[in-house]
């Protein structure tokens, strides 16, 4: 079984995140939202979105 996971990155993907191993690069910052929090009302058009298989 597998599923897709998505990450939002800064506009232009400045750290060039392409896959899971890229998440070990120095200087990255992770932000998590609290459980049950939604994204409605936020403008995500200025972010990049990356999909990776888990």
PDB file of N, CA and C in Angstrom:
ATOM      1  N   UNK A   1       0.836  -1.174   0.000  1.00  0.00           N
ATOM      2  CA  UNK A   1       0.000   0.000   0.000  1.00  0.00           C
ATOM      3  C   UNK A   1       0.885   1.243   0.000  1.00  0.00           C
ATOM      4  N   UNK A   2       0.471   2.245  -0.693  1.00  0.00           N
ATOM      5  CA  UNK A   2       1.185   3.523  -0.672  1.00  0.00           C
ATOM      6  C   UNK A   2       0.173   4.643  -0.774  1.00  0.00           C
ATOM      7  N   UNK A   3       0.606   5.819  -0.436  1.00  0.00           N
ATOM      8  CA  UNK A   3      -0.248   6.994  -0.566  1.00  0.00           C
ATOM      9  C   UNK A   3       0.628   8.184  -0.916  1.00  0.00           C
ATOM     10  N   UNK A   4       0.002   9.236  -1.380  1.00  0.00           N
ATOM     11  CA  UNK A   4       0.721  10.447  -1.751  1.00  0.00           C
ATOM     12  C   UNK A   4       0.704  11.433  -0.595  1.00  0.00           C
ATOM     13  N   UNK A   5       1.811  12.112  -0.407  1.00  0.00           N
ATOM     14  CA  UNK A   5       1.914  13.177   0.588  1.00  0.00           C
ATOM     15  C   UNK A   5       2.253  14.466  -0.146  1.00  0.00           C
ATOM     16  N   UNK A   6       1.717  15.549   0.304  1.00  0.00           N
ATOM     17  CA  UNK A   6       1.983  16.833  -0.348  1.00  0.00           C
ATOM     18  C   UNK A   6       2.707  17.782   0.589  1.00  0.00           C
ATOM     19  N   UNK A   7       3.564  18.582   0.037  1.00  0.00           N
ATOM     20  CA  UNK A   7       4.268  19.626   0.772  1.00  0.00           C
ATOM     21  C   UNK A   7       4.067  20.938   0.038  1.00  0.00           C
ATOM     22  N   UNK A   8       3.869  21.990   0.777  1.00  0.00           N
ATOM     23  CA  UNK A   8       3.877  23.322   0.192  1.00  0.00           C
ATOM     24  C   UNK A   8       5.249  23.909   0.448  1.00  0.00           C
ATOM     25  N   UNK A   9       5.826  24.497  -0.584  1.00  0.00           N
ATOM     26  CA  UNK A   9       7.159  25.091  -0.475  1.00  0.00           C
ATOM     27  C   UNK A   9       7.073  26.568  -0.819  1.00  0.00           C
ATOM     28  N   UNK A  10       8.100  27.298  -0.485  1.00  0.00           N
ATOM     29  CA  UNK A  10       8.148  28.729  -0.795  1.00  0.00           C
ATOM     30  C   UNK A  10       8.074  28.941  -2.309  1.00  0.00           C
ATOM     31  N   UNK A  11       7.551  30.082  -2.722  1.00  0.00           N
ATOM     32  CA  UNK A  11       7.464  30.365  -4.158  1.00  0.00           C
ATOM     33  C   UNK A  11       8.795  30.151  -4.868  1.00  0.00           C
ATOM     34  N   UNK A  12       8.759  29.457  -5.977  1.00  0.00           N
ATOM     35  CA  UNK A  12       9.967  29.188  -6.747  1.00  0.00           C
ATOM     36  C   UNK A  12      10.763  27.999  -6.233  1.00  0.00           C
ATOM     37  N   UNK A  13      10.302  27.374  -5.141  1.00  0.00           N
ATOM     38  CA  UNK A  13      10.982  26.218  -4.557  1.00  0.00           C
ATOM     39  C   UNK A  13      12.493  26.484  -4.419  1.00  0.00           C
ATOM     40  N   UNK A  14      12.863  27.493  -3.602  1.00  0.00           N
ATOM     41  CA  UNK A  14      14.267  27.921  -3.537  1.00  0.00           C
ATOM     42  C   UNK A  14      15.251  26.842  -3.078  1.00  0.00           C
ATOM     43  N   UNK A  15      14.787  25.835  -2.350  1.00  0.00           N
ATOM     44  CA  UNK A  15      15.674  24.758  -1.908  1.00  0.00           C
ATOM     45  C   UNK A  15      15.624  23.558  -2.842  1.00  0.00           C
ATOM     46  N   UNK A  16      14.881  23.702  -3.939  1.00  0.00           N
ATOM     47  CA  UNK A  16      14.789  22.654  -4.965  1.00  0.00           C
ATOM     48  C   UNK A  16      14.392  21.300  -4.376  1.00  0.00           C
ATOM     49  N   UNK A  17      13.347  21.287  -3.566  1.00  0.00           N
ATOM     50  CA  UNK A  17      12.852  20.054  -2.968  1.00  0.00           C
ATOM     51  C   UNK A  17      12.149  19.233  -4.051  1.00  0.00           C
ATOM     52  N   UNK A  18      12.632  18.025  -4.280  1.00  0.00           N
ATOM     53  CA  UNK A  18      12.046  17.141  -5.286  1.00  0.00           C
ATOM     54  C   UNK A  18      11.618  15.800  -4.712  1.00  0.00           C
ATOM     55  N   UNK A  19      12.192  15.401  -3.582  1.00  0.00           N
ATOM     56  CA  UNK A  19      11.880  14.093  -3.004  1.00  0.00           C
ATOM     57  C   UNK A  19      12.223  14.052  -1.532  1.00  0.00           C
ATOM     58  N   UNK A  20      11.957  12.889  -0.925  1.00  0.00           N
ATOM     59  CA  UNK A  20      12.158  12.742   0.516  1.00  0.00           C
ATOM     60  C   UNK A  20      13.583  13.030   0.964  1.00  0.00           C
ATOM     61  N   UNK A  21      14.586  12.605   0.215  1.00  0.00           N
ATOM     62  CA  UNK A  21      15.970  12.815   0.654  1.00  0.00           C
ATOM     63  C   UNK A  21      16.333  14.301   0.685  1.00  0.00           C
ATOM     64  N   UNK A  22      15.643  15.109  -0.103  1.00  0.00           N
ATOM     65  CA  UNK A  22      15.905  16.549  -0.093  1.00  0.00           C
ATOM     66  C   UNK A  22      15.515  17.186   1.239  1.00  0.00           C
ATOM     67  N   UNK A  23      14.672  16.520   2.015  1.00  0.00           N
ATOM     68  CA  UNK A  23      14.229  17.075   3.290  1.00  0.00           C
ATOM     69  C   UNK A  23      15.314  17.034   4.356  1.00  0.00           C
ATOM     70  N   UNK A  24      16.463  16.453   4.036  1.00  0.00           N
ATOM     71  CA  UNK A  24      17.590  16.436   4.973  1.00  0.00           C
ATOM     72  C   UNK A  24      18.565  17.586   4.713  1.00  0.00           C
ATOM     73  N   UNK A  25      18.279  18.412   3.722  1.00  0.00           N
ATOM     74  CA  UNK A  25      19.167  19.526   3.403  1.00  0.00           C
ATOM     75  C   UNK A  25      19.238  20.500   4.582  1.00  0.00           C
ATOM     76  N   UNK A  26      20.437  21.033   4.853  1.00  0.00           N
ATOM     77  CA  UNK A  26      20.562  22.018   5.935  1.00  0.00           C
ATOM     78  C   UNK A  26      19.819  23.303   5.581  1.00  0.00           C
ATOM     79  N   UNK A  27      19.308  23.960   6.602  1.00  0.00           N
ATOM     80  CA  UNK A  27      18.667  25.252   6.410  1.00  0.00           C
ATOM     81  C   UNK A  27      17.174  25.195   6.127  1.00  0.00           C
ATOM     82  N   UNK A  28      16.588  24.002   6.095  1.00  0.00           N
ATOM     83  CA  UNK A  28      15.152  23.898   5.861  1.00  0.00           C
ATOM     84  C   UNK A  28      14.390  24.162   7.155  1.00  0.00           C
ATOM     85  N   UNK A  29      13.197  24.706   7.016  1.00  0.00           N
ATOM     86  CA  UNK A  29      12.335  24.966   8.168  1.00  0.00           C
ATOM     87  C   UNK A  29      10.996  24.295   7.904  1.00  0.00           C
ATOM     88  N   UNK A  30      10.505  23.557   8.871  1.00  0.00           N
ATOM     89  CA  UNK A  30       9.233  22.855   8.747  1.00  0.00           C
ATOM     90  C   UNK A  30       8.192  23.531   9.618  1.00  0.00           C
ATOM     91  N   UNK A  31       7.010  23.659   9.087  1.00  0.00           N
ATOM     92  CA  UNK A  31       5.892  24.228   9.828  1.00  0.00           C
ATOM     93  C   UNK A  31       4.763  23.218   9.764  1.00  0.00           C
ATOM     94  N   UNK A  32       4.208  22.889  10.910  1.00  0.00           N
ATOM     95  CA  UNK A  32       3.105  21.941  10.974  1.00  0.00           C
ATOM     96  C   UNK A  32       1.898  22.663  11.542  1.00  0.00           C
ATOM     97  N   UNK A  33       0.722  22.268  11.111  1.00  0.00           N
ATOM     98  CA  UNK A  33      -0.485  22.875  11.662  1.00  0.00           C
ATOM     99  C   UNK A  33      -1.093  21.921  12.677  1.00  0.00           C
ATOM    100  N   UNK A  34      -1.848  22.461  13.592  1.00  0.00           N
ATOM    101  CA  UNK A  34      -2.441  21.606  14.608  1.00  0.00           C
ATOM    102  C   UNK A  34      -3.489  20.681  14.009  1.00  0.00           C
ATOM    103  N   UNK A  35      -3.658  19.537  14.619  1.00  0.00           N
ATOM    104  CA  UNK A  35      -4.587  18.526  14.135  1.00  0.00           C
ATOM    105  C   UNK A  35      -5.989  19.120  14.010  1.00  0.00           C
ATOM    106  N   UNK A  36      -6.616  18.879  12.872  1.00  0.00           N
ATOM    107  CA  UNK A  36      -7.968  19.358  12.633  1.00  0.00           C
ATOM    108  C   UNK A  36      -8.039  20.746  12.031  1.00  0.00           C
ATOM    109  N   UNK A  37      -6.908  21.441  11.949  1.00  0.00           N
ATOM    110  CA  UNK A  37      -6.914  22.786  11.368  1.00  0.00           C
ATOM    111  C   UNK A  37      -7.035  22.687   9.858  1.00  0.00           C
ATOM    112  N   UNK A  38      -7.842  23.518   9.277  1.00  0.00           N
ATOM    113  CA  UNK A  38      -8.026  23.518   7.832  1.00  0.00           C
ATOM    114  C   UNK A  38      -7.290  24.669   7.184  1.00  0.00           C
ATOM    115  N   UNK A  39      -7.288  24.674   5.879  1.00  0.00           N
ATOM    116  CA  UNK A  39      -6.608  25.731   5.141  1.00  0.00           C
ATOM    117  C   UNK A  39      -7.589  26.697   4.498  1.00  0.00           C
ATOM    118  N   UNK A  40      -8.871  26.552   4.764  1.00  0.00           N
ATOM    119  CA  UNK A  40      -9.843  27.439   4.123  1.00  0.00           C
ATOM    120  C   UNK A  40      -9.574  28.882   4.544  1.00  0.00           C
ATOM    121  N   UNK A  41      -9.710  29.769   3.613  1.00  0.00           N
ATOM    122  CA  UNK A  41      -9.480  31.175   3.885  1.00  0.00           C
ATOM    123  C   UNK A  41      -8.060  31.630   3.628  1.00  0.00           C
ATOM    124  N   UNK A  42      -7.165  30.712   3.301  1.00  0.00           N
ATOM    125  CA  UNK A  42      -5.774  31.068   3.027  1.00  0.00           C
ATOM    126  C   UNK A  42      -5.534  31.074   1.529  1.00  0.00           C
ATOM    127  N   UNK A  43      -4.773  32.038   1.057  1.00  0.00           N
ATOM    128  CA  UNK A  43      -4.414  32.110  -0.360  1.00  0.00           C
ATOM    129  C   UNK A  43      -3.112  31.347  -0.558  1.00  0.00           C
ATOM    130  N   UNK A  44      -3.202  30.145  -1.122  1.00  0.00           N
ATOM    131  CA  UNK A  44      -2.017  29.324  -1.341  1.00  0.00           C
ATOM    132  C   UNK A  44      -1.466  29.457  -2.755  1.00  0.00           C
ATOM    133  N   UNK A  45      -1.987  30.404  -3.511  1.00  0.00           N
ATOM    134  CA  UNK A  45      -1.577  30.530  -4.910  1.00  0.00           C
ATOM    135  C   UNK A  45      -0.121  30.945  -5.062  1.00  0.00           C
ATOM    136  N   UNK A  46       0.474  31.501  -4.037  1.00  0.00           N
ATOM    137  CA  UNK A  46       1.862  31.945  -4.131  1.00  0.00           C
ATOM    138  C   UNK A  46       2.842  30.900  -3.602  1.00  0.00           C
ATOM    139  N   UNK A  47       2.360  29.722  -3.313  1.00  0.00           N
ATOM    140  CA  UNK A  47       3.239  28.648  -2.853  1.00  0.00           C
ATOM    141  C   UNK A  47       3.416  27.652  -3.977  1.00  0.00           C
ATOM    142  N   UNK A  48       4.378  26.786  -3.812  1.00  0.00           N
ATOM    143  CA  UNK A  48       4.531  25.659  -4.714  1.00  0.00           C
ATOM    144  C   UNK A  48       3.999  24.434  -4.000  1.00  0.00           C
ATOM    145  N   UNK A  49       3.601  23.434  -4.735  1.00  0.00           N
ATOM    146  CA  UNK A  49       3.113  22.194  -4.123  1.00  0.00           C
ATOM    147  C   UNK A  49       3.869  21.046  -4.743  1.00  0.00           C
ATOM    148  N   UNK A  50       4.364  20.151  -3.912  1.00  0.00           N
ATOM    149  CA  UNK A  50       5.112  18.981  -4.379  1.00  0.00           C
ATOM    150  C   UNK A  50       4.394  17.755  -3.858  1.00  0.00           C
ATOM    151  N   UNK A  51       4.200  16.777  -4.726  1.00  0.00           N
ATOM    152  CA  UNK A  51       3.585  15.522  -4.313  1.00  0.00           C
ATOM    153  C   UNK A  51       4.644  14.428  -4.338  1.00  0.00           C
ATOM    154  N   UNK A  52       4.716  13.635  -3.258  1.00  0.00           N
ATOM    155  CA  UNK A  52       5.686  12.544  -3.171  1.00  0.00           C
ATOM    156  C   UNK A  52       4.973  11.299  -2.676  1.00  0.00           C
ATOM    157  N   UNK A  53       5.345  10.138  -3.197  1.00  0.00           N
ATOM    158  CA  UNK A  53       4.747   8.890  -2.753  1.00  0.00           C
ATOM    159  C   UNK A  53       5.371   8.441  -1.444  1.00  0.00           C
ATOM    160  N   UNK A  54       4.501   8.067  -0.497  1.00  0.00           N
ATOM    161  CA  UNK A  54       4.963   7.572   0.808  1.00  0.00           C
ATOM    162  C   UNK A  54       5.088   6.074   0.743  1.00  0.00           C
TER     163      UNK A  54
END
